[in-house]
Each structure stands twice: as C-alpha cells, then as structure tokens.
N, C-alpha and C. Protein backbone atom coordinates (compact mmCIF):
# COMPACT_ATOMS: atom_id res chain seq x y z
N MET A 1 0.85 -1.17 0.00
CA MET A 1 0.00 0.00 0.00
C MET A 1 0.90 1.24 0.00
N PRO A 2 0.67 2.17 -0.94
CA PRO A 2 1.51 3.36 -0.99
C PRO A 2 1.21 4.28 0.19
N GLN A 3 2.27 4.88 0.73
CA GLN A 3 2.09 5.80 1.84
C GLN A 3 1.80 7.19 1.31
N GLN A 4 0.95 7.91 2.05
CA GLN A 4 0.68 9.29 1.69
C GLN A 4 1.65 10.19 2.43
N SER A 5 2.06 11.21 1.75
CA SER A 5 2.99 12.14 2.40
C SER A 5 2.23 13.00 3.41
N PRO A 6 2.92 13.47 4.43
CA PRO A 6 2.28 14.37 5.39
C PRO A 6 1.74 15.62 4.72
N ASN A 7 2.40 16.05 3.63
CA ASN A 7 1.93 17.24 2.92
C ASN A 7 0.56 17.02 2.28
N SER A 8 0.30 15.81 1.76
CA SER A 8 -1.01 15.58 1.15
C SER A 8 -2.10 15.60 2.21
N ASN A 9 -1.83 15.08 3.41
CA ASN A 9 -2.81 15.15 4.49
C ASN A 9 -3.04 16.60 4.92
N LEU A 10 -1.97 17.37 4.99
CA LEU A 10 -2.07 18.78 5.36
C LEU A 10 -2.87 19.53 4.31
N THR A 11 -2.56 19.30 3.05
CA THR A 11 -3.28 19.97 1.97
C THR A 11 -4.77 19.63 2.01
N ARG A 12 -5.10 18.35 2.20
CA ARG A 12 -6.49 17.92 2.28
C ARG A 12 -7.19 18.60 3.46
N GLY A 13 -6.51 18.69 4.60
CA GLY A 13 -7.08 19.34 5.78
C GLY A 13 -7.33 20.83 5.55
N LEU A 14 -6.38 21.49 4.90
CA LEU A 14 -6.55 22.91 4.60
C LEU A 14 -7.68 23.14 3.61
N MET A 15 -7.81 22.27 2.63
CA MET A 15 -8.89 22.40 1.65
C MET A 15 -10.25 22.25 2.33
N LYS A 16 -10.36 21.30 3.26
CA LYS A 16 -11.62 21.12 3.98
C LYS A 16 -11.97 22.36 4.78
N LYS A 17 -10.97 22.94 5.46
CA LYS A 17 -11.21 24.15 6.24
C LYS A 17 -11.60 25.30 5.33
N LYS A 18 -10.91 25.44 4.19
CA LYS A 18 -11.23 26.51 3.25
C LYS A 18 -12.65 26.34 2.73
N ASN A 19 -13.01 25.12 2.35
CA ASN A 19 -14.35 24.87 1.83
C ASN A 19 -15.41 25.13 2.89
N ALA A 20 -15.14 24.75 4.13
CA ALA A 20 -16.08 25.02 5.21
C ALA A 20 -16.26 26.52 5.40
N LEU A 21 -15.16 27.28 5.34
CA LEU A 21 -15.25 28.73 5.47
C LEU A 21 -16.04 29.35 4.33
N VAL A 22 -15.83 28.86 3.13
CA VAL A 22 -16.57 29.37 1.98
C VAL A 22 -18.05 29.08 2.15
N GLN A 23 -18.39 27.85 2.55
CA GLN A 23 -19.79 27.51 2.73
C GLN A 23 -20.43 28.34 3.84
N ILE A 24 -19.70 28.56 4.93
CA ILE A 24 -20.23 29.39 6.02
C ILE A 24 -20.41 30.83 5.54
N SER A 25 -19.49 31.29 4.71
CA SER A 25 -19.60 32.64 4.16
C SER A 25 -20.81 32.78 3.24
N LEU A 26 -21.17 31.70 2.57
CA LEU A 26 -22.33 31.72 1.67
C LEU A 26 -23.65 31.60 2.43
N LEU A 27 -23.61 31.20 3.69
CA LEU A 27 -24.84 30.97 4.46
C LEU A 27 -25.77 32.19 4.49
N PRO A 28 -25.28 33.39 4.79
CA PRO A 28 -26.21 34.54 4.79
C PRO A 28 -26.86 34.77 3.42
N ILE A 29 -26.12 34.48 2.37
CA ILE A 29 -26.69 34.62 1.02
C ILE A 29 -27.79 33.59 0.82
N MET A 30 -27.56 32.36 1.27
CA MET A 30 -28.57 31.32 1.13
C MET A 30 -29.82 31.66 1.95
N ILE A 31 -29.62 32.18 3.15
CA ILE A 31 -30.76 32.60 3.99
C ILE A 31 -31.55 33.69 3.27
N ALA A 32 -30.85 34.66 2.69
CA ALA A 32 -31.50 35.74 1.96
C ALA A 32 -32.24 35.23 0.73
N LEU A 33 -31.65 34.26 0.02
CA LEU A 33 -32.33 33.70 -1.15
C LEU A 33 -33.62 32.97 -0.77
N VAL A 34 -33.59 32.24 0.34
CA VAL A 34 -34.81 31.56 0.79
C VAL A 34 -35.86 32.60 1.18
N ALA A 35 -35.46 33.63 1.92
CA ALA A 35 -36.41 34.67 2.32
C ALA A 35 -36.98 35.36 1.08
N ALA A 36 -36.12 35.70 0.13
CA ALA A 36 -36.58 36.37 -1.09
C ALA A 36 -37.51 35.46 -1.90
N GLY A 37 -37.15 34.18 -2.03
CA GLY A 37 -38.00 33.25 -2.76
C GLY A 37 -39.37 33.10 -2.11
N THR A 38 -39.41 33.24 -0.80
CA THR A 38 -40.67 33.14 -0.08
C THR A 38 -41.49 34.41 -0.23
N LEU A 39 -40.83 35.56 -0.28
CA LEU A 39 -41.54 36.84 -0.31
C LEU A 39 -41.89 37.33 -1.71
N ILE A 40 -41.07 37.01 -2.70
CA ILE A 40 -41.26 37.59 -4.03
C ILE A 40 -42.55 37.11 -4.69
N ILE A 41 -42.78 35.82 -4.68
CA ILE A 41 -44.02 35.28 -5.26
C ILE A 41 -44.88 34.79 -4.11
N ARG A 42 -45.90 35.56 -3.78
CA ARG A 42 -46.81 35.20 -2.69
C ARG A 42 -48.24 35.25 -3.23
N ILE A 43 -48.86 34.11 -3.24
CA ILE A 43 -50.24 34.02 -3.69
C ILE A 43 -51.09 33.68 -2.47
N PRO A 44 -51.90 34.63 -2.00
CA PRO A 44 -52.69 34.41 -0.78
C PRO A 44 -53.67 33.24 -0.93
N ASN A 45 -53.92 32.57 0.19
CA ASN A 45 -54.94 31.52 0.20
C ASN A 45 -56.06 31.92 1.16
N PRO A 46 -57.17 31.21 1.12
CA PRO A 46 -58.34 31.60 1.93
C PRO A 46 -58.10 31.59 3.44
N MET A 47 -57.09 30.85 3.91
CA MET A 47 -56.85 30.75 5.36
C MET A 47 -55.98 31.90 5.87
N GLY A 48 -55.53 32.76 4.99
CA GLY A 48 -54.70 33.88 5.42
C GLY A 48 -53.21 33.66 5.19
N GLY A 49 -52.83 32.46 4.79
CA GLY A 49 -51.44 32.17 4.46
C GLY A 49 -51.19 32.50 3.00
N TYR A 50 -50.13 31.93 2.46
CA TYR A 50 -49.82 32.20 1.06
C TYR A 50 -48.97 31.09 0.46
N PHE A 51 -49.18 30.89 -0.84
CA PHE A 51 -48.35 29.99 -1.64
C PHE A 51 -47.10 30.77 -2.01
N ASN A 52 -45.91 30.11 -1.97
CA ASN A 52 -44.66 30.78 -2.32
C ASN A 52 -43.69 29.77 -2.93
N VAL A 53 -42.57 30.29 -3.43
CA VAL A 53 -41.56 29.41 -4.04
C VAL A 53 -40.29 29.32 -3.20
N GLY A 54 -40.40 29.60 -1.92
CA GLY A 54 -39.25 29.50 -1.03
C GLY A 54 -38.68 28.09 -0.96
N ASP A 55 -39.54 27.07 -1.13
CA ASP A 55 -39.06 25.69 -1.09
C ASP A 55 -38.06 25.41 -2.20
N ALA A 56 -38.20 26.06 -3.34
CA ALA A 56 -37.23 25.88 -4.43
C ALA A 56 -35.84 26.29 -3.97
N MET A 57 -35.77 27.38 -3.23
CA MET A 57 -34.48 27.85 -2.72
C MET A 57 -33.96 26.94 -1.61
N ILE A 58 -34.86 26.47 -0.75
CA ILE A 58 -34.44 25.54 0.30
C ILE A 58 -33.84 24.29 -0.34
N PHE A 59 -34.53 23.74 -1.33
CA PHE A 59 -34.04 22.53 -1.99
C PHE A 59 -32.71 22.79 -2.69
N ALA A 60 -32.60 23.91 -3.40
CA ALA A 60 -31.34 24.22 -4.09
C ALA A 60 -30.19 24.33 -3.10
N CYS A 61 -30.42 25.00 -1.97
CA CYS A 61 -29.36 25.15 -0.94
C CYS A 61 -29.00 23.80 -0.34
N ALA A 62 -30.01 23.06 0.09
CA ALA A 62 -29.76 21.80 0.80
C ALA A 62 -29.18 20.73 -0.11
N LEU A 63 -29.57 20.72 -1.38
CA LEU A 63 -29.03 19.74 -2.33
C LEU A 63 -27.61 20.10 -2.75
N THR A 64 -27.26 21.37 -2.67
CA THR A 64 -25.95 21.83 -3.11
C THR A 64 -24.92 21.81 -1.99
N PHE A 65 -25.32 22.27 -0.83
CA PHE A 65 -24.38 22.40 0.28
C PHE A 65 -24.67 21.32 1.32
N ASP A 66 -24.14 21.47 2.52
CA ASP A 66 -24.32 20.41 3.51
C ASP A 66 -25.64 20.56 4.26
N PRO A 67 -26.04 19.54 5.02
CA PRO A 67 -27.34 19.55 5.70
C PRO A 67 -27.52 20.72 6.68
N ILE A 68 -26.43 21.14 7.32
CA ILE A 68 -26.54 22.26 8.27
C ILE A 68 -26.87 23.56 7.53
N ILE A 69 -26.26 23.76 6.37
CA ILE A 69 -26.59 24.94 5.55
C ILE A 69 -28.07 24.85 5.14
N GLY A 70 -28.52 23.68 4.73
CA GLY A 70 -29.93 23.50 4.39
C GLY A 70 -30.85 23.80 5.56
N PHE A 71 -30.46 23.32 6.75
CA PHE A 71 -31.25 23.55 7.95
C PHE A 71 -31.35 25.04 8.28
N LEU A 72 -30.20 25.71 8.30
CA LEU A 72 -30.18 27.13 8.68
C LEU A 72 -30.82 28.01 7.62
N ALA A 73 -30.51 27.76 6.36
CA ALA A 73 -31.11 28.57 5.28
C ALA A 73 -32.61 28.35 5.23
N GLY A 74 -33.05 27.08 5.31
CA GLY A 74 -34.48 26.79 5.27
C GLY A 74 -35.22 27.38 6.45
N GLY A 75 -34.70 27.15 7.65
CA GLY A 75 -35.39 27.63 8.85
C GLY A 75 -35.35 29.14 9.00
N LEU A 76 -34.15 29.71 8.95
CA LEU A 76 -34.03 31.15 9.17
C LEU A 76 -34.60 31.97 8.01
N GLY A 77 -34.30 31.56 6.78
CA GLY A 77 -34.82 32.31 5.62
C GLY A 77 -36.34 32.32 5.59
N SER A 78 -36.95 31.18 5.84
CA SER A 78 -38.41 31.10 5.83
C SER A 78 -39.01 31.85 7.02
N ALA A 79 -38.37 31.75 8.19
CA ALA A 79 -38.88 32.45 9.37
C ALA A 79 -38.79 33.97 9.19
N ILE A 80 -37.72 34.44 8.57
CA ILE A 80 -37.60 35.88 8.29
C ILE A 80 -38.76 36.33 7.39
N ALA A 81 -39.05 35.53 6.39
CA ALA A 81 -40.17 35.86 5.50
C ALA A 81 -41.49 35.87 6.27
N ASP A 82 -41.66 34.96 7.21
CA ASP A 82 -42.89 34.93 7.99
C ASP A 82 -42.98 36.11 8.96
N VAL A 83 -41.86 36.59 9.45
CA VAL A 83 -41.89 37.80 10.29
C VAL A 83 -42.52 38.93 9.50
N ILE A 84 -42.17 39.01 8.22
CA ILE A 84 -42.68 40.07 7.36
C ILE A 84 -44.10 39.75 6.86
N GLY A 85 -44.36 38.49 6.53
CA GLY A 85 -45.60 38.16 5.85
C GLY A 85 -46.67 37.45 6.67
N PHE A 86 -46.30 36.67 7.67
CA PHE A 86 -47.29 35.88 8.40
C PHE A 86 -46.72 35.52 9.77
N PRO A 87 -46.61 36.51 10.68
CA PRO A 87 -45.89 36.33 11.94
C PRO A 87 -46.39 35.19 12.83
N LEU A 88 -47.64 34.82 12.70
CA LEU A 88 -48.19 33.73 13.49
C LEU A 88 -47.40 32.43 13.31
N PHE A 89 -46.77 32.29 12.16
CA PHE A 89 -46.08 31.03 11.82
C PHE A 89 -44.57 31.07 12.01
N VAL A 90 -44.00 32.12 12.57
CA VAL A 90 -42.55 32.25 12.64
C VAL A 90 -41.89 31.04 13.30
N ILE A 91 -42.32 30.67 14.50
CA ILE A 91 -41.68 29.57 15.23
C ILE A 91 -41.94 28.23 14.54
N PRO A 92 -43.20 27.90 14.17
CA PRO A 92 -43.40 26.64 13.45
C PRO A 92 -42.60 26.58 12.15
N THR A 93 -42.54 27.69 11.44
CA THR A 93 -41.80 27.73 10.17
C THR A 93 -40.31 27.51 10.42
N LEU A 94 -39.76 28.15 11.43
CA LEU A 94 -38.34 27.97 11.76
C LEU A 94 -38.03 26.48 11.93
N ILE A 95 -38.89 25.78 12.63
CA ILE A 95 -38.67 24.35 12.89
C ILE A 95 -38.96 23.50 11.65
N ILE A 96 -40.13 23.69 11.06
CA ILE A 96 -40.56 22.85 9.95
C ILE A 96 -39.67 23.02 8.72
N LYS A 97 -39.41 24.26 8.34
CA LYS A 97 -38.58 24.50 7.14
C LYS A 97 -37.11 24.18 7.42
N GLY A 98 -36.67 24.38 8.67
CA GLY A 98 -35.32 23.97 9.02
C GLY A 98 -35.14 22.47 8.88
N LEU A 99 -36.11 21.71 9.41
CA LEU A 99 -36.05 20.25 9.27
C LEU A 99 -36.14 19.83 7.81
N GLU A 100 -36.93 20.55 7.03
CA GLU A 100 -37.04 20.25 5.60
C GLU A 100 -35.67 20.36 4.93
N GLY A 101 -34.97 21.46 5.18
CA GLY A 101 -33.62 21.63 4.61
C GLY A 101 -32.64 20.59 5.12
N LEU A 102 -32.72 20.29 6.41
CA LEU A 102 -31.83 19.29 7.00
C LEU A 102 -32.06 17.92 6.37
N LEU A 103 -33.32 17.52 6.25
CA LEU A 103 -33.63 16.20 5.67
C LEU A 103 -33.15 16.09 4.23
N VAL A 104 -33.39 17.12 3.44
CA VAL A 104 -32.91 17.09 2.05
C VAL A 104 -31.40 16.91 2.02
N GLY A 105 -30.71 17.68 2.84
CA GLY A 105 -29.25 17.60 2.88
C GLY A 105 -28.73 16.25 3.34
N LEU A 106 -29.45 15.62 4.26
CA LEU A 106 -29.03 14.31 4.75
C LEU A 106 -29.32 13.18 3.75
N ILE A 107 -30.40 13.31 3.00
CA ILE A 107 -30.83 12.23 2.11
C ILE A 107 -30.09 12.25 0.77
N THR A 108 -29.79 13.44 0.26
CA THR A 108 -29.15 13.52 -1.05
C THR A 108 -27.76 12.89 -1.03
N SER A 109 -27.36 12.36 -2.18
CA SER A 109 -25.99 11.86 -2.29
C SER A 109 -25.17 12.81 -3.17
N LYS A 110 -25.77 13.85 -3.68
CA LYS A 110 -25.16 14.89 -4.51
C LYS A 110 -24.69 14.42 -5.88
N ASN A 111 -24.93 13.17 -6.21
CA ASN A 111 -24.56 12.71 -7.55
C ASN A 111 -25.58 11.73 -8.11
N ASN A 112 -26.79 11.77 -7.57
CA ASN A 112 -27.81 10.83 -7.99
C ASN A 112 -29.15 11.56 -8.02
N SER A 113 -29.69 11.77 -9.21
CA SER A 113 -30.94 12.51 -9.37
C SER A 113 -32.10 11.83 -8.67
N LEU A 114 -32.11 10.51 -8.65
CA LEU A 114 -33.19 9.80 -7.96
C LEU A 114 -33.14 10.06 -6.46
N ARG A 115 -31.94 10.11 -5.89
CA ARG A 115 -31.80 10.43 -4.47
C ARG A 115 -32.27 11.86 -4.20
N ASP A 116 -31.96 12.78 -5.14
CA ASP A 116 -32.42 14.16 -4.99
C ASP A 116 -33.95 14.21 -4.96
N MET A 117 -34.58 13.47 -5.87
CA MET A 117 -36.05 13.45 -5.90
C MET A 117 -36.62 12.82 -4.63
N LEU A 118 -36.00 11.75 -4.18
CA LEU A 118 -36.43 11.11 -2.94
C LEU A 118 -36.28 12.09 -1.77
N ALA A 119 -35.19 12.81 -1.73
CA ALA A 119 -34.96 13.80 -0.67
C ALA A 119 -36.06 14.85 -0.67
N VAL A 120 -36.42 15.35 -1.85
CA VAL A 120 -37.46 16.36 -1.96
C VAL A 120 -38.81 15.80 -1.52
N VAL A 121 -39.13 14.60 -1.95
CA VAL A 121 -40.42 13.98 -1.58
C VAL A 121 -40.51 13.75 -0.08
N LEU A 122 -39.47 13.19 0.52
CA LEU A 122 -39.51 12.90 1.96
C LEU A 122 -39.51 14.19 2.79
N ALA A 123 -38.64 15.12 2.45
CA ALA A 123 -38.59 16.37 3.19
C ALA A 123 -39.87 17.19 2.96
N GLY A 124 -40.37 17.13 1.74
CA GLY A 124 -41.63 17.81 1.45
C GLY A 124 -42.78 17.23 2.24
N SER A 125 -42.77 15.92 2.41
CA SER A 125 -43.81 15.27 3.22
C SER A 125 -43.72 15.75 4.66
N GLU A 126 -42.51 15.89 5.17
CA GLU A 126 -42.33 16.43 6.53
C GLU A 126 -42.93 17.81 6.63
N MET A 127 -42.72 18.65 5.61
CA MET A 127 -43.25 20.01 5.62
C MET A 127 -44.77 20.00 5.62
N VAL A 128 -45.36 19.22 4.73
CA VAL A 128 -46.82 19.17 4.62
C VAL A 128 -47.43 18.66 5.93
N ILE A 129 -46.88 17.58 6.46
CA ILE A 129 -47.40 17.01 7.71
C ILE A 129 -47.16 17.97 8.88
N GLY A 130 -45.99 18.60 8.92
CA GLY A 130 -45.67 19.54 10.00
C GLY A 130 -46.65 20.69 10.06
N TYR A 131 -46.91 21.32 8.92
CA TYR A 131 -47.87 22.43 8.92
C TYR A 131 -49.29 21.95 9.22
N PHE A 132 -49.65 20.79 8.70
CA PHE A 132 -50.98 20.24 9.00
C PHE A 132 -51.15 20.07 10.52
N LEU A 133 -50.16 19.50 11.19
CA LEU A 133 -50.25 19.27 12.63
C LEU A 133 -50.28 20.58 13.41
N VAL A 134 -49.48 21.55 13.01
CA VAL A 134 -49.49 22.86 13.67
C VAL A 134 -50.86 23.51 13.51
N GLU A 135 -51.39 23.49 12.30
CA GLU A 135 -52.69 24.12 12.05
C GLU A 135 -53.82 23.40 12.77
N LEU A 136 -53.72 22.10 12.86
CA LEU A 136 -54.77 21.31 13.51
C LEU A 136 -54.71 21.43 15.03
N TYR A 137 -53.54 21.19 15.62
CA TYR A 137 -53.44 21.08 17.07
C TYR A 137 -53.02 22.36 17.79
N ILE A 138 -52.12 23.13 17.20
CA ILE A 138 -51.64 24.33 17.89
C ILE A 138 -52.53 25.53 17.58
N LEU A 139 -52.78 25.77 16.30
CA LEU A 139 -53.63 26.90 15.91
C LEU A 139 -55.12 26.56 16.00
N GLN A 140 -55.42 25.28 16.08
CA GLN A 140 -56.78 24.77 16.22
C GLN A 140 -57.72 25.29 15.13
N TRP A 141 -57.26 25.15 13.90
CA TRP A 141 -58.07 25.53 12.75
C TRP A 141 -59.12 24.48 12.43
N GLY A 142 -59.07 23.35 13.09
CA GLY A 142 -59.98 22.26 12.80
C GLY A 142 -59.43 21.41 11.66
N PHE A 143 -59.98 20.20 11.54
CA PHE A 143 -59.49 19.28 10.52
C PHE A 143 -59.67 19.85 9.12
N GLY A 144 -60.84 20.43 8.86
CA GLY A 144 -61.11 20.99 7.53
C GLY A 144 -60.19 22.14 7.18
N GLY A 145 -59.95 23.02 8.15
CA GLY A 145 -59.07 24.16 7.91
C GLY A 145 -57.64 23.74 7.65
N ALA A 146 -57.16 22.79 8.46
CA ALA A 146 -55.79 22.30 8.27
C ALA A 146 -55.67 21.54 6.95
N LEU A 147 -56.69 20.75 6.64
CA LEU A 147 -56.68 19.98 5.39
C LEU A 147 -56.73 20.89 4.17
N ALA A 148 -57.38 22.04 4.29
CA ALA A 148 -57.48 22.97 3.16
C ALA A 148 -56.12 23.51 2.74
N GLU A 149 -55.16 23.51 3.65
CA GLU A 149 -53.82 24.00 3.35
C GLU A 149 -52.95 22.97 2.63
N VAL A 150 -53.31 21.71 2.73
CA VAL A 150 -52.46 20.62 2.21
C VAL A 150 -52.21 20.73 0.70
N PRO A 151 -53.22 20.96 -0.14
CA PRO A 151 -52.94 21.04 -1.58
C PRO A 151 -51.94 22.14 -1.95
N GLY A 152 -52.06 23.30 -1.32
CA GLY A 152 -51.12 24.39 -1.59
C GLY A 152 -49.70 24.03 -1.17
N ASN A 153 -49.58 23.35 -0.03
CA ASN A 153 -48.26 22.93 0.44
C ASN A 153 -47.66 21.87 -0.47
N ILE A 154 -48.50 20.97 -0.96
CA ILE A 154 -48.01 19.95 -1.90
C ILE A 154 -47.55 20.63 -3.20
N ALA A 155 -48.32 21.61 -3.66
CA ALA A 155 -47.93 22.35 -4.88
C ALA A 155 -46.59 23.05 -4.68
N GLN A 156 -46.36 23.62 -3.48
CA GLN A 156 -45.07 24.26 -3.20
C GLN A 156 -43.93 23.26 -3.30
N ILE A 157 -44.16 22.05 -2.84
CA ILE A 157 -43.11 21.02 -2.89
C ILE A 157 -42.85 20.61 -4.34
N VAL A 158 -43.91 20.40 -5.09
CA VAL A 158 -43.74 19.99 -6.49
C VAL A 158 -42.99 21.06 -7.27
N ILE A 159 -43.44 22.30 -7.16
CA ILE A 159 -42.77 23.39 -7.88
C ILE A 159 -41.36 23.59 -7.33
N GLY A 160 -41.22 23.50 -6.02
CA GLY A 160 -39.90 23.63 -5.40
C GLY A 160 -38.93 22.59 -5.92
N GLY A 161 -39.39 21.35 -6.05
CA GLY A 161 -38.54 20.29 -6.59
C GLY A 161 -38.22 20.48 -8.06
N LEU A 162 -39.23 20.91 -8.84
CA LEU A 162 -39.02 21.12 -10.27
C LEU A 162 -38.02 22.24 -10.55
N VAL A 163 -37.95 23.20 -9.65
CA VAL A 163 -37.00 24.31 -9.80
C VAL A 163 -35.70 24.01 -9.04
N GLY A 164 -35.81 23.56 -7.80
CA GLY A 164 -34.65 23.40 -6.93
C GLY A 164 -33.68 22.33 -7.37
N ILE A 165 -34.17 21.20 -7.87
CA ILE A 165 -33.27 20.12 -8.28
C ILE A 165 -32.40 20.54 -9.47
N PRO A 166 -32.97 21.12 -10.53
CA PRO A 166 -32.10 21.56 -11.64
C PRO A 166 -31.13 22.68 -11.23
N VAL A 167 -31.58 23.59 -10.37
CA VAL A 167 -30.68 24.65 -9.90
C VAL A 167 -29.50 24.04 -9.14
N ALA A 168 -29.80 23.08 -8.27
CA ALA A 168 -28.72 22.41 -7.52
C ALA A 168 -27.78 21.69 -8.47
N PHE A 169 -28.32 21.05 -9.50
CA PHE A 169 -27.48 20.35 -10.47
C PHE A 169 -26.50 21.31 -11.13
N VAL A 170 -26.98 22.48 -11.53
CA VAL A 170 -26.12 23.49 -12.16
C VAL A 170 -25.09 24.00 -11.16
N LEU A 171 -25.52 24.29 -9.93
CA LEU A 171 -24.59 24.79 -8.92
C LEU A 171 -23.50 23.77 -8.61
N ARG A 172 -23.87 22.52 -8.53
CA ARG A 172 -22.87 21.47 -8.25
C ARG A 172 -21.81 21.41 -9.34
N ARG A 173 -22.23 21.62 -10.57
CA ARG A 173 -21.27 21.58 -11.68
C ARG A 173 -20.40 22.82 -11.70
N ARG A 174 -20.93 23.96 -11.27
CA ARG A 174 -20.20 25.23 -11.34
C ARG A 174 -19.36 25.50 -10.10
N LEU A 175 -19.64 24.82 -9.00
CA LEU A 175 -18.94 25.10 -7.76
C LEU A 175 -18.18 23.90 -7.21
N PRO A 176 -17.53 23.11 -8.05
CA PRO A 176 -16.93 21.87 -7.54
C PRO A 176 -15.84 22.09 -6.49
N GLU A 177 -15.07 23.14 -6.62
CA GLU A 177 -14.00 23.35 -5.64
C GLU A 177 -14.56 23.73 -4.26
N ILE A 178 -15.72 24.34 -4.22
CA ILE A 178 -16.35 24.69 -2.95
C ILE A 178 -16.97 23.45 -2.31
N LEU A 179 -17.50 22.58 -3.14
CA LEU A 179 -18.27 21.45 -2.63
C LEU A 179 -17.45 20.22 -2.33
N LYS A 180 -16.20 20.18 -2.77
CA LYS A 180 -15.38 19.00 -2.49
C LYS A 180 -15.18 18.85 -0.99
N ASN A 181 -15.20 17.62 -0.54
CA ASN A 181 -14.96 17.34 0.88
C ASN A 181 -13.60 16.72 1.07
C-alpha cells in the first residue's frame, strides 16, 4: 500500500477548512435567497397564508451544500419571510422549514438525481405534515381548515422540486471546488 505524504494530508485538511469557510460565508446569502423566494411570489390563500416558491431555494441550498446549511437557510430564511408576511407562523416555520432543509441535505448523495427526488419527496412530506399538525393542534383551525392548506403545500413542494433540483445540479457543476470534501 503506498504511503501518503504528510503534505497531502495537510493539503487535504486545509482544503476542507477553506471549503467550510466558503460555505459558512455563503450561508447569509442562502438565507436571503430563501427569504426572497418566499416573499417575491406570494399568492394568498383563503386561510390567510400564502403559496410561495421558497421551497425551491431551500431545496437548491440543501441539495448543493451540507445539511446544516440546508437547515439554517431553510429555517431562518423562511422564518424571516414569515416575520414580514405571516408572523403567526414564525416559530413553526423555523422548525418545519429547518427540518425540511436538513432532511434534504441528509438524504441527497449529490450525484444521484433519484436520491435528490427522494430527498425532496420525503422532506416535502415532513413540511406538509408539519404544517398540518401545527394548524390542527396548535392553531386549532380544525381538521377541515388544516386539510385545506395541504394542496397548496403539496404544490409548493412539487414546484420547489421542479426548480430546486435543476438549480442544484447546475450549482454542483459550477462550484466543484467549494463542494469538495
């Protein structure tokens, strides 16, 4: 077995630190993109909430970067948008959208489109179920009120996946030196 030089281990360690710093530096931008994606296209629904495309940005961030970036960008970016647009949901959104980004980041393998789709479906299911439970039990909108939100949330996931997966694919190809581990 060939031995690796101490310099190659040092170089690999420095590259990991550099890449981690770059990803951390990009975090505020990812949070802002999620907030902007949530706020720019807002289609009100009868319950007082709104349909948005923030999930596309969550998916793009979480599929491109690591799960913690997905968690923070999804949770904080979406919660910031709710502070501005629907303050009643700030805390549930912080948790639900954060978990959505985390799950996508944990499930993806970053080189398999089927895994990306699976990540979006599973994390999207967490989002739909999470909001349903909050609306049913915490906000006490009743079963019908909580159920009325489900189709809009599913549409957000579908559109988010249709946009977020291709965006992540392009970012992965354009940012290989940042994404190498």
